[in-house]
């Protein structure tokens, strides 16, 4: 199983949500096992600059953000990009999951 960081650009709410995506490759197909919201970066609506960033601690917060990402089609776009990519090019560093300053491998 591999893991990588993706980001969902929630422009409607002026935020970027970092997602940790766990996946596996079975019979040449990429299957997403789990998507977990990890951190939210709030942006100034005028400049687009990040004003603050918070980690998502609670299960209810993770579920709320995941539901919003699902309804916005972010997970489907991640799945599509993964299926088009060579998964060996996607970063798998487990340490990056805990580093809020690491740029995501995919942005949707």
PDB file of N, CA and C in Angstrom:
ATOM      1  N   UNK A   1       0.847  -1.176   0.000  1.00  0.00           N
ATOM      2  CA  UNK A   1       0.000   0.000   0.000  1.00  0.00           C
ATOM      3  C   UNK A   1       0.891   1.238   0.000  1.00  0.00           C
ATOM      4  N   UNK A   2       0.501   2.239  -0.765  1.00  0.00           N
ATOM      5  CA  UNK A   2       1.226   3.490  -0.816  1.00  0.00           C
ATOM      6  C   UNK A   2       0.406   4.612  -0.206  1.00  0.00           C
ATOM      7  N   UNK A   3       1.084   5.676   0.140  1.00  0.00           N
ATOM      8  CA  UNK A   3       0.419   6.865   0.674  1.00  0.00           C
ATOM      9  C   UNK A   3       1.027   8.090   0.012  1.00  0.00           C
ATOM     10  N   UNK A   4       0.211   9.113  -0.176  1.00  0.00           N
ATOM     11  CA  UNK A   4       0.723  10.386  -0.652  1.00  0.00           C
ATOM     12  C   UNK A   4      -0.214  11.489  -0.198  1.00  0.00           C
ATOM     13  N   UNK A   5       0.253  12.706  -0.354  1.00  0.00           N
ATOM     14  CA  UNK A   5      -0.536  13.866   0.032  1.00  0.00           C
ATOM     15  C   UNK A   5      -1.105  14.517  -1.223  1.00  0.00           C
ATOM     16  N   UNK A   6      -2.398  14.804  -1.183  1.00  0.00           N
ATOM     17  CA  UNK A   6      -3.070  15.536  -2.258  1.00  0.00           C
ATOM     18  C   UNK A   6      -3.698  16.770  -1.624  1.00  0.00           C
ATOM     19  N   UNK A   7      -4.149  17.687  -2.431  1.00  0.00           N
ATOM     20  CA  UNK A   7      -4.805  18.886  -1.918  1.00  0.00           C
ATOM     21  C   UNK A   7      -6.071  19.145  -2.714  1.00  0.00           C
ATOM     22  N   UNK A   8      -7.103  19.538  -2.002  1.00  0.00           N
ATOM     23  CA  UNK A   8      -8.368  19.925  -2.620  1.00  0.00           C
ATOM     24  C   UNK A   8      -8.493  21.437  -2.478  1.00  0.00           C
ATOM     25  N   UNK A   9      -8.574  22.122  -3.594  1.00  0.00           N
ATOM     26  CA  UNK A   9      -8.741  23.572  -3.606  1.00  0.00           C
ATOM     27  C   UNK A   9     -10.228  23.887  -3.499  1.00  0.00           C
ATOM     28  N   UNK A  10     -10.654  24.287  -2.318  1.00  0.00           N
ATOM     29  CA  UNK A  10     -12.051  24.646  -2.063  1.00  0.00           C
ATOM     30  C   UNK A  10     -12.169  26.159  -2.235  1.00  0.00           C
ATOM     31  N   UNK A  11     -12.232  26.592  -3.482  1.00  0.00           N
ATOM     32  CA  UNK A  11     -12.226  28.023  -3.792  1.00  0.00           C
ATOM     33  C   UNK A  11     -13.458  28.736  -3.253  1.00  0.00           C
ATOM     34  N   UNK A  12     -14.576  28.036  -3.206  1.00  0.00           N
ATOM     35  CA  UNK A  12     -15.816  28.630  -2.709  1.00  0.00           C
ATOM     36  C   UNK A  12     -15.675  29.104  -1.260  1.00  0.00           C
ATOM     37  N   UNK A  13     -14.860  28.388  -0.479  1.00  0.00           N
ATOM     38  CA  UNK A  13     -14.668  28.719   0.934  1.00  0.00           C
ATOM     39  C   UNK A  13     -13.275  29.262   1.231  1.00  0.00           C
ATOM     40  N   UNK A  14     -12.531  29.637   0.192  1.00  0.00           N
ATOM     41  CA  UNK A  14     -11.200  30.234   0.352  1.00  0.00           C
ATOM     42  C   UNK A  14     -10.290  29.386   1.234  1.00  0.00           C
ATOM     43  N   UNK A  15     -10.171  28.122   0.883  1.00  0.00           N
ATOM     44  CA  UNK A  15      -9.304  27.239   1.656  1.00  0.00           C
ATOM     45  C   UNK A  15      -8.753  26.131   0.769  1.00  0.00           C
ATOM     46  N   UNK A  16      -7.634  25.581   1.236  1.00  0.00           N
ATOM     47  CA  UNK A  16      -7.054  24.383   0.641  1.00  0.00           C
ATOM     48  C   UNK A  16      -7.041  23.322   1.730  1.00  0.00           C
ATOM     49  N   UNK A  17      -7.529  22.149   1.395  1.00  0.00           N
ATOM     50  CA  UNK A  17      -7.567  21.051   2.355  1.00  0.00           C
ATOM     51  C   UNK A  17      -6.541  20.010   1.915  1.00  0.00           C
ATOM     52  N   UNK A  18      -5.569  19.746   2.789  1.00  0.00           N
ATOM     53  CA  UNK A  18      -4.591  18.697   2.514  1.00  0.00           C
ATOM     54  C   UNK A  18      -5.211  17.355   2.866  1.00  0.00           C
ATOM     55  N   UNK A  19      -5.067  16.408   1.962  1.00  0.00           N
ATOM     56  CA  UNK A  19      -5.640  15.076   2.128  1.00  0.00           C
ATOM     57  C   UNK A  19      -4.523  14.043   2.096  1.00  0.00           C
ATOM     58  N   UNK A  20      -4.587  13.070   2.978  1.00  0.00           N
ATOM     59  CA  UNK A  20      -3.671  11.937   2.937  1.00  0.00           C
ATOM     60  C   UNK A  20      -4.428  10.803   2.264  1.00  0.00           C
ATOM     61  N   UNK A  21      -3.874  10.298   1.172  1.00  0.00           N
ATOM     62  CA  UNK A  21      -4.539   9.277   0.366  1.00  0.00           C
ATOM     63  C   UNK A  21      -3.749   7.973   0.470  1.00  0.00           C
ATOM     64  N   UNK A  22      -4.437   6.926   0.918  1.00  0.00           N
ATOM     65  CA  UNK A  22      -3.846   5.588   0.956  1.00  0.00           C
ATOM     66  C   UNK A  22      -4.412   4.810  -0.224  1.00  0.00           C
ATOM     67  N   UNK A  23      -3.536   4.146  -0.952  1.00  0.00           N
ATOM     68  CA  UNK A  23      -3.981   3.425  -2.140  1.00  0.00           C
ATOM     69  C   UNK A  23      -3.184   2.141  -2.294  1.00  0.00           C
ATOM     70  N   UNK A  24      -3.657   1.294  -3.163  1.00  0.00           N
ATOM     71  CA  UNK A  24      -2.916   0.094  -3.532  1.00  0.00           C
ATOM     72  C   UNK A  24      -3.091  -0.151  -5.024  1.00  0.00           C
ATOM     73  N   UNK A  25      -2.160  -0.882  -5.582  1.00  0.00           N
ATOM     74  CA  UNK A  25      -2.240  -1.253  -6.989  1.00  0.00           C
ATOM     75  C   UNK A  25      -2.564  -2.742  -7.039  1.00  0.00           C
ATOM     76  N   UNK A  26      -3.695  -3.063  -7.653  1.00  0.00           N
ATOM     77  CA  UNK A  26      -4.119  -4.458  -7.780  1.00  0.00           C
ATOM     78  C   UNK A  26      -4.449  -4.731  -9.240  1.00  0.00           C
ATOM     79  N   UNK A  27      -3.800  -5.716  -9.802  1.00  0.00           N
ATOM     80  CA  UNK A  27      -4.022  -6.087 -11.204  1.00  0.00           C
ATOM     81  C   UNK A  27      -3.843  -4.902 -12.147  1.00  0.00           C
ATOM     82  N   UNK A  28      -2.842  -4.065 -11.844  1.00  0.00           N
ATOM     83  CA  UNK A  28      -2.553  -2.921 -12.693  1.00  0.00           C
ATOM     84  C   UNK A  28      -3.486  -1.744 -12.511  1.00  0.00           C
ATOM     85  N   UNK A  29      -4.438  -1.851 -11.595  1.00  0.00           N
ATOM     86  CA  UNK A  29      -5.395  -0.774 -11.338  1.00  0.00           C
ATOM     87  C   UNK A  29      -5.108  -0.136  -9.980  1.00  0.00           C
ATOM     88  N   UNK A  30      -5.229   1.172  -9.914  1.00  0.00           N
ATOM     89  CA  UNK A  30      -5.052   1.885  -8.661  1.00  0.00           C
ATOM     90  C   UNK A  30      -6.384   1.915  -7.928  1.00  0.00           C
ATOM     91  N   UNK A  31      -6.366   1.472  -6.674  1.00  0.00           N
ATOM     92  CA  UNK A  31      -7.560   1.501  -5.840  1.00  0.00           C
ATOM     93  C   UNK A  31      -7.285   2.378  -4.631  1.00  0.00           C
ATOM     94  N   UNK A  32      -8.140   3.356  -4.398  1.00  0.00           N
ATOM     95  CA  UNK A  32      -8.001   4.222  -3.235  1.00  0.00           C
ATOM     96  C   UNK A  32      -8.654   3.525  -2.052  1.00  0.00           C
ATOM     97  N   UNK A  33      -7.869   3.314  -0.992  1.00  0.00           N
ATOM     98  CA  UNK A  33      -8.370   2.647   0.203  1.00  0.00           C
ATOM     99  C   UNK A  33      -8.973   3.633   1.196  1.00  0.00           C
ATOM    100  N   UNK A  34      -8.339   4.797   1.310  1.00  0.00           N
ATOM    101  CA  UNK A  34      -8.737   5.727   2.353  1.00  0.00           C
ATOM    102  C   UNK A  34      -8.289   7.137   1.979  1.00  0.00           C
ATOM    103  N   UNK A  35      -9.130   8.109   2.263  1.00  0.00           N
ATOM    104  CA  UNK A  35      -8.781   9.521   2.097  1.00  0.00           C
ATOM    105  C   UNK A  35      -9.067  10.201   3.428  1.00  0.00           C
ATOM    106  N   UNK A  36      -8.046  10.845   3.997  1.00  0.00           N
ATOM    107  CA  UNK A  36      -8.198  11.483   5.296  1.00  0.00           C
ATOM    108  C   UNK A  36      -7.807  12.953   5.202  1.00  0.00           C
ATOM    109  N   UNK A  37      -8.731  13.879   5.488  1.00  0.00           N
ATOM    110  CA  UNK A  37      -8.362  15.294   5.577  1.00  0.00           C
ATOM    111  C   UNK A  37      -7.364  15.478   6.723  1.00  0.00           C
ATOM    112  N   UNK A  38      -6.297  16.203   6.450  1.00  0.00           N
ATOM    113  CA  UNK A  38      -5.206  16.319   7.416  1.00  0.00           C
ATOM    114  C   UNK A  38      -5.021  17.750   7.929  1.00  0.00           C
ATOM    115  N   UNK A  39      -5.098  18.723   7.044  1.00  0.00           N
ATOM    116  CA  UNK A  39      -4.829  20.117   7.416  1.00  0.00           C
ATOM    117  C   UNK A  39      -5.643  21.026   6.511  1.00  0.00           C
ATOM    118  N   UNK A  40      -6.078  22.164   7.073  1.00  0.00           N
ATOM    119  CA  UNK A  40      -6.824  23.166   6.313  1.00  0.00           C
ATOM    120  C   UNK A  40      -6.022  24.461   6.313  1.00  0.00           C
ATOM    121  N   UNK A  41      -5.815  25.020   5.121  1.00  0.00           N
ATOM    122  CA  UNK A  41      -5.116  26.297   4.955  1.00  0.00           C
ATOM    123  C   UNK A  41      -6.164  27.323   4.530  1.00  0.00           C
ATOM    124  N   UNK A  42      -6.409  28.311   5.376  1.00  0.00           N
ATOM    125  CA  UNK A  42      -7.385  29.354   5.068  1.00  0.00           C
ATOM    126  C   UNK A  42      -6.689  30.472   4.300  1.00  0.00           C
ATOM    127  N   UNK A  43      -7.380  30.992   3.287  1.00  0.00           N
ATOM    128  CA  UNK A  43      -6.782  32.000   2.410  1.00  0.00           C
ATOM    129  C   UNK A  43      -7.548  33.304   2.464  1.00  0.00           C
ATOM    130  N   UNK A  44      -6.799  34.382   2.310  1.00  0.00           N
ATOM    131  CA  UNK A  44      -7.405  35.701   2.190  1.00  0.00           C
ATOM    132  C   UNK A  44      -8.120  35.766   0.844  1.00  0.00           C
ATOM    133  N   UNK A  45      -9.412  36.143   0.832  1.00  0.00           N
ATOM    134  CA  UNK A  45     -10.151  36.146  -0.436  1.00  0.00           C
ATOM    135  C   UNK A  45      -9.610  37.152  -1.456  1.00  0.00           C
ATOM    136  N   UNK A  46      -8.983  38.210  -0.998  1.00  0.00           N
ATOM    137  CA  UNK A  46      -8.457  39.231  -1.905  1.00  0.00           C
ATOM    138  C   UNK A  46      -7.126  38.808  -2.527  1.00  0.00           C
ATOM    139  N   UNK A  47      -6.175  38.441  -1.671  1.00  0.00           N
ATOM    140  CA  UNK A  47      -4.821  38.156  -2.156  1.00  0.00           C
ATOM    141  C   UNK A  47      -4.598  36.684  -2.498  1.00  0.00           C
ATOM    142  N   UNK A  48      -5.386  35.800  -1.909  1.00  0.00           N
ATOM    143  CA  UNK A  48      -5.172  34.374  -2.104  1.00  0.00           C
ATOM    144  C   UNK A  48      -4.077  33.803  -1.227  1.00  0.00           C
ATOM    145  N   UNK A  49      -3.460  34.654  -0.408  1.00  0.00           N
ATOM    146  CA  UNK A  49      -2.393  34.210   0.490  1.00  0.00           C
ATOM    147  C   UNK A  49      -2.987  33.447   1.673  1.00  0.00           C
ATOM    148  N   UNK A  50      -2.252  32.450   2.142  1.00  0.00           N
ATOM    149  CA  UNK A  50      -2.684  31.694   3.315  1.00  0.00           C
ATOM    150  C   UNK A  50      -2.553  32.573   4.548  1.00  0.00           C
ATOM    151  N   UNK A  51      -3.649  32.691   5.299  1.00  0.00           N
ATOM    152  CA  UNK A  51      -3.644  33.509   6.509  1.00  0.00           C
ATOM    153  C   UNK A  51      -3.406  32.678   7.759  1.00  0.00           C
ATOM    154  N   UNK A  52      -3.862  31.426   7.744  1.00  0.00           N
ATOM    155  CA  UNK A  52      -3.600  30.523   8.859  1.00  0.00           C
ATOM    156  C   UNK A  52      -3.826  29.096   8.396  1.00  0.00           C
ATOM    157  N   UNK A  53      -3.328  28.195   9.197  1.00  0.00           N
ATOM    158  CA  UNK A  53      -3.412  26.779   8.867  1.00  0.00           C
ATOM    159  C   UNK A  53      -3.676  26.009  10.152  1.00  0.00           C
ATOM    160  N   UNK A  54      -4.615  25.072  10.093  1.00  0.00           N
ATOM    161  CA  UNK A  54      -4.909  24.263  11.274  1.00  0.00           C
ATOM    162  C   UNK A  54      -4.943  22.789  10.894  1.00  0.00           C
ATOM    163  N   UNK A  55      -4.574  21.960  11.841  1.00  0.00           N
ATOM    164  CA  UNK A  55      -4.642  20.519  11.644  1.00  0.00           C
ATOM    165  C   UNK A  55      -6.057  20.059  11.958  1.00  0.00           C
ATOM    166  N   UNK A  56      -6.524  19.055  11.255  1.00  0.00           N
ATOM    167  CA  UNK A  56      -7.852  18.498  11.504  1.00  0.00           C
ATOM    168  C   UNK A  56      -7.676  17.388  12.538  1.00  0.00           C
ATOM    169  N   UNK A  57      -8.182  17.625  13.764  1.00  0.00           N
ATOM    170  CA  UNK A  57      -7.978  16.681  14.868  1.00  0.00           C
ATOM    171  C   UNK A  57      -9.143  15.723  15.069  1.00  0.00           C
ATOM    172  N   UNK A  58     -10.358  16.224  14.944  1.00  0.00           N
ATOM    173  CA  UNK A  58     -11.518  15.424  15.335  1.00  0.00           C
ATOM    174  C   UNK A  58     -12.028  14.558  14.189  1.00  0.00           C
ATOM    175  N   UNK A  59     -12.603  13.436  14.555  1.00  0.00           N
ATOM    176  CA  UNK A  59     -13.197  12.554  13.549  1.00  0.00           C
ATOM    177  C   UNK A  59     -14.367  13.233  12.855  1.00  0.00           C
ATOM    178  N   UNK A  60     -15.152  14.021  13.613  1.00  0.00           N
ATOM    179  CA  UNK A  60     -16.297  14.705  12.991  1.00  0.00           C
ATOM    180  C   UNK A  60     -15.823  15.759  11.994  1.00  0.00           C
ATOM    181  N   UNK A  61     -14.729  16.448  12.303  1.00  0.00           N
ATOM    182  CA  UNK A  61     -14.160  17.417  11.366  1.00  0.00           C
ATOM    183  C   UNK A  61     -13.625  16.744  10.116  1.00  0.00           C
ATOM    184  N   UNK A  62     -12.962  15.611  10.296  1.00  0.00           N
ATOM    185  CA  UNK A  62     -12.446  14.855   9.150  1.00  0.00           C
ATOM    186  C   UNK A  62     -13.590  14.372   8.271  1.00  0.00           C
ATOM    187  N   UNK A  63     -14.663  13.880   8.903  1.00  0.00           N
ATOM    188  CA  UNK A  63     -15.795  13.369   8.137  1.00  0.00           C
ATOM    189  C   UNK A  63     -16.504  14.492   7.386  1.00  0.00           C
ATOM    190  N   UNK A  64     -16.666  15.648   8.030  1.00  0.00           N
ATOM    191  CA  UNK A  64     -17.305  16.800   7.387  1.00  0.00           C
ATOM    192  C   UNK A  64     -16.525  17.231   6.143  1.00  0.00           C
ATOM    193  N   UNK A  65     -15.209  17.372   6.287  1.00  0.00           N
ATOM    194  CA  UNK A  65     -14.380  17.783   5.149  1.00  0.00           C
ATOM    195  C   UNK A  65     -14.350  16.718   4.057  1.00  0.00           C
ATOM    196  N   UNK A  66     -14.312  15.450   4.446  1.00  0.00           N
ATOM    197  CA  UNK A  66     -14.326  14.380   3.452  1.00  0.00           C
ATOM    198  C   UNK A  66     -15.641  14.380   2.683  1.00  0.00           C
ATOM    199  N   UNK A  67     -16.757  14.566   3.387  1.00  0.00           N
ATOM    200  CA  UNK A  67     -18.059  14.627   2.715  1.00  0.00           C
ATOM    201  C   UNK A  67     -18.106  15.773   1.713  1.00  0.00           C
ATOM    202  N   UNK A  68     -17.551  16.931   2.098  1.00  0.00           N
ATOM    203  CA  UNK A  68     -17.528  18.081   1.188  1.00  0.00           C
ATOM    204  C   UNK A  68     -16.632  17.817  -0.015  1.00  0.00           C
ATOM    205  N   UNK A  69     -15.482  17.195   0.225  1.00  0.00           N
ATOM    206  CA  UNK A  69     -14.570  16.875  -0.881  1.00  0.00           C
ATOM    207  C   UNK A  69     -15.212  15.865  -1.833  1.00  0.00           C
ATOM    208  N   UNK A  70     -15.918  14.885  -1.272  1.00  0.00           N
ATOM    209  CA  UNK A  70     -16.610  13.901  -2.109  1.00  0.00           C
ATOM    210  C   UNK A  70     -17.686  14.566  -2.953  1.00  0.00           C
ATOM    211  N   UNK A  71     -18.477  15.435  -2.334  1.00  0.00           N
ATOM    212  CA  UNK A  71     -19.563  16.083  -3.081  1.00  0.00           C
ATOM    213  C   UNK A  71     -19.030  17.044  -4.137  1.00  0.00           C
ATOM    214  N   UNK A  72     -17.826  17.584  -3.917  1.00  0.00           N
ATOM    215  CA  UNK A  72     -17.211  18.482  -4.904  1.00  0.00           C
ATOM    216  C   UNK A  72     -16.497  17.708  -6.014  1.00  0.00           C
ATOM    217  N   UNK A  73     -16.427  16.387  -5.886  1.00  0.00           N
ATOM    218  CA  UNK A  73     -15.778  15.575  -6.912  1.00  0.00           C
ATOM    219  C   UNK A  73     -14.270  15.466  -6.776  1.00  0.00           C
ATOM    220  N   UNK A  74     -13.714  15.935  -5.663  1.00  0.00           N
ATOM    221  CA  UNK A  74     -12.259  15.932  -5.499  1.00  0.00           C
ATOM    222  C   UNK A  74     -11.683  14.523  -5.484  1.00  0.00           C
ATOM    223  N   UNK A  75     -12.349  13.601  -4.810  1.00  0.00           N
ATOM    224  CA  UNK A  75     -11.819  12.240  -4.717  1.00  0.00           C
ATOM    225  C   UNK A  75     -11.867  11.552  -6.083  1.00  0.00           C
ATOM    226  N   UNK A  76     -12.906  11.813  -6.849  1.00  0.00           N
ATOM    227  CA  UNK A  76     -12.972  11.252  -8.206  1.00  0.00           C
ATOM    228  C   UNK A  76     -11.844  11.793  -9.078  1.00  0.00           C
ATOM    229  N   UNK A  77     -11.529  13.095  -8.930  1.00  0.00           N
ATOM    230  CA  UNK A  77     -10.430  13.678  -9.706  1.00  0.00           C
ATOM    231  C   UNK A  77      -9.086  13.085  -9.279  1.00  0.00           C
ATOM    232  N   UNK A  78      -8.927  12.832  -7.973  1.00  0.00           N
ATOM    233  CA  UNK A  78      -7.697  12.195  -7.494  1.00  0.00           C
ATOM    234  C   UNK A  78      -7.580  10.799  -8.096  1.00  0.00           C
ATOM    235  N   UNK A  79      -8.655  10.042  -8.052  1.00  0.00           N
ATOM    236  CA  UNK A  79      -8.656   8.682  -8.608  1.00  0.00           C
ATOM    237  C   UNK A  79      -8.297   8.720 -10.097  1.00  0.00           C
ATOM    238  N   UNK A  80      -8.868   9.661 -10.825  1.00  0.00           N
ATOM    239  CA  UNK A  80      -8.600   9.782 -12.259  1.00  0.00           C
ATOM    240  C   UNK A  80      -7.135  10.136 -12.511  1.00  0.00           C
ATOM    241  N   UNK A  81      -6.608  11.102 -11.748  1.00  0.00           N
ATOM    242  CA  UNK A  81      -5.209  11.491 -11.937  1.00  0.00           C
ATOM    243  C   UNK A  81      -4.270  10.345 -11.587  1.00  0.00           C
ATOM    244  N   UNK A  82      -4.604   9.595 -10.539  1.00  0.00           N
ATOM    245  CA  UNK A  82      -3.768   8.453 -10.167  1.00  0.00           C
ATOM    246  C   UNK A  82      -3.775   7.380 -11.248  1.00  0.00           C
ATOM    247  N   UNK A  83      -4.939   7.127 -11.819  1.00  0.00           N
ATOM    248  CA  UNK A  83      -5.018   6.083 -12.840  1.00  0.00           C
ATOM    249  C   UNK A  83      -4.259   6.479 -14.100  1.00  0.00           C
ATOM    250  N   UNK A  84      -4.115   7.786 -14.344  1.00  0.00           N
ATOM    251  CA  UNK A  84      -3.362   8.261 -15.507  1.00  0.00           C
ATOM    252  C   UNK A  84      -1.869   8.391 -15.235  1.00  0.00           C
ATOM    253  N   UNK A  85      -1.482   8.340 -13.962  1.00  0.00           N
ATOM    254  CA  UNK A  85      -0.083   8.568 -13.587  1.00  0.00           C
ATOM    255  C   UNK A  85       0.644   7.241 -13.412  1.00  0.00           C
ATOM    256  N   UNK A  86       1.954   7.326 -13.506  1.00  0.00           N
ATOM    257  CA  UNK A  86       2.785   6.195 -13.121  1.00  0.00           C
ATOM    258  C   UNK A  86       2.930   6.299 -11.613  1.00  0.00           C
ATOM    259  N   UNK A  87       2.305   5.400 -10.867  1.00  0.00           N
ATOM    260  CA  UNK A  87       2.285   5.525  -9.412  1.00  0.00           C
ATOM    261  C   UNK A  87       3.673   5.498  -8.806  1.00  0.00           C
ATOM    262  N   UNK A  88       4.668   5.046  -9.544  1.00  0.00           N
ATOM    263  CA  UNK A  88       6.027   5.058  -9.022  1.00  0.00           C
ATOM    264  C   UNK A  88       6.592   6.473  -8.984  1.00  0.00           C
ATOM    265  N   UNK A  89       5.938   7.424  -9.685  1.00  0.00           N
ATOM    266  CA  UNK A  89       6.386   8.809  -9.656  1.00  0.00           C
ATOM    267  C   UNK A  89       5.752   9.589  -8.516  1.00  0.00           C
ATOM    268  N   UNK A  90       4.753   9.025  -7.856  1.00  0.00           N
ATOM    269  CA  UNK A  90       4.074   9.706  -6.762  1.00  0.00           C
ATOM    270  C   UNK A  90       4.899   9.530  -5.501  1.00  0.00           C
ATOM    271  N   UNK A  91       5.077  10.623  -4.734  1.00  0.00           N
ATOM    272  CA  UNK A  91       5.875  10.558  -3.517  1.00  0.00           C
ATOM    273  C   UNK A  91       5.193   9.675  -2.487  1.00  0.00           C
ATOM    274  N   UNK A  92       5.974   8.840  -1.812  1.00  0.00           N
ATOM    275  CA  UNK A  92       5.432   7.915  -0.832  1.00  0.00           C
ATOM    276  C   UNK A  92       5.978   8.159   0.568  1.00  0.00           C
ATOM    277  N   UNK A  93       6.717   9.218   0.789  1.00  0.00           N
ATOM    278  CA  UNK A  93       7.350   9.443   2.081  1.00  0.00           C
ATOM    279  C   UNK A  93       6.309   9.497   3.182  1.00  0.00           C
ATOM    280  N   UNK A  94       6.389   8.565   4.112  1.00  0.00           N
ATOM    281  CA  UNK A  94       5.449   8.580   5.226  1.00  0.00           C
ATOM    282  C   UNK A  94       5.680   9.796   6.112  1.00  0.00           C
ATOM    283  N   UNK A  95       6.920  10.289   6.194  1.00  0.00           N
ATOM    284  CA  UNK A  95       7.207  11.441   7.032  1.00  0.00           C
ATOM    285  C   UNK A  95       6.478  12.688   6.568  1.00  0.00           C
ATOM    286  N   UNK A  96       6.178  12.807   5.294  1.00  0.00           N
ATOM    287  CA  UNK A  96       5.545  14.025   4.796  1.00  0.00           C
ATOM    288  C   UNK A  96       4.112  14.153   5.291  1.00  0.00           C
ATOM    289  N   UNK A  97       3.510  13.071   5.749  1.00  0.00           N
ATOM    290  CA  UNK A  97       2.141  13.124   6.242  1.00  0.00           C
ATOM    291  C   UNK A  97       2.048  14.080   7.422  1.00  0.00           C
ATOM    292  N   UNK A  98       3.116  14.182   8.200  1.00  0.00           N
ATOM    293  CA  UNK A  98       3.087  15.001   9.401  1.00  0.00           C
ATOM    294  C   UNK A  98       3.715  16.379   9.212  1.00  0.00           C
ATOM    295  N   UNK A  99       4.193  16.685   8.033  1.00  0.00           N
ATOM    296  CA  UNK A  99       4.843  17.967   7.775  1.00  0.00           C
ATOM    297  C   UNK A  99       3.882  18.893   7.041  1.00  0.00           C
ATOM    298  N   UNK A 100       3.358  19.927   7.723  1.00  0.00           N
ATOM    299  CA  UNK A 100       2.382  20.810   7.085  1.00  0.00           C
ATOM    300  C   UNK A 100       2.966  21.672   5.983  1.00  0.00           C
ATOM    301  N   UNK A 101       4.282  21.725   5.872  1.00  0.00           N
ATOM    302  CA  UNK A 101       4.916  22.587   4.877  1.00  0.00           C
ATOM    303  C   UNK A 101       5.253  21.847   3.592  1.00  0.00           C
ATOM    304  N   UNK A 102       5.045  20.545   3.559  1.00  0.00           N
ATOM    305  CA  UNK A 102       5.315  19.761   2.363  1.00  0.00           C
ATOM    306  C   UNK A 102       4.225  20.011   1.338  1.00  0.00           C
ATOM    307  N   UNK A 103       4.613  20.292   0.123  1.00  0.00           N
ATOM    308  CA  UNK A 103       3.638  20.516  -0.944  1.00  0.00           C
ATOM    309  C   UNK A 103       2.990  19.196  -1.336  1.00  0.00           C
ATOM    310  N   UNK A 104       1.714  19.218  -1.661  1.00  0.00           N
ATOM    311  CA  UNK A 104       1.040  17.991  -2.069  1.00  0.00           C
ATOM    312  C   UNK A 104       1.556  17.481  -3.406  1.00  0.00           C
ATOM    313  N   UNK A 105       1.424  16.165  -3.595  1.00  0.00           N
ATOM    314  CA  UNK A 105       1.819  15.558  -4.861  1.00  0.00           C
ATOM    315  C   UNK A 105       0.797  15.840  -5.951  1.00  0.00           C
ATOM    316  N   UNK A 106      -0.472  15.931  -5.580  1.00  0.00           N
ATOM    317  CA  UNK A 106      -1.565  16.219  -6.506  1.00  0.00           C
ATOM    318  C   UNK A 106      -2.428  17.328  -5.936  1.00  0.00           C
ATOM    319  N   UNK A 107      -2.881  18.218  -6.780  1.00  0.00           N
ATOM    320  CA  UNK A 107      -3.833  19.246  -6.373  1.00  0.00           C
ATOM    321  C   UNK A 107      -5.033  19.152  -7.290  1.00  0.00           C
ATOM    322  N   UNK A 108      -6.224  19.086  -6.688  1.00  0.00           N
ATOM    323  CA  UNK A 108      -7.456  18.967  -7.474  1.00  0.00           C
ATOM    324  C   UNK A 108      -8.402  20.094  -7.125  1.00  0.00           C
TER     325      UNK A 108
END
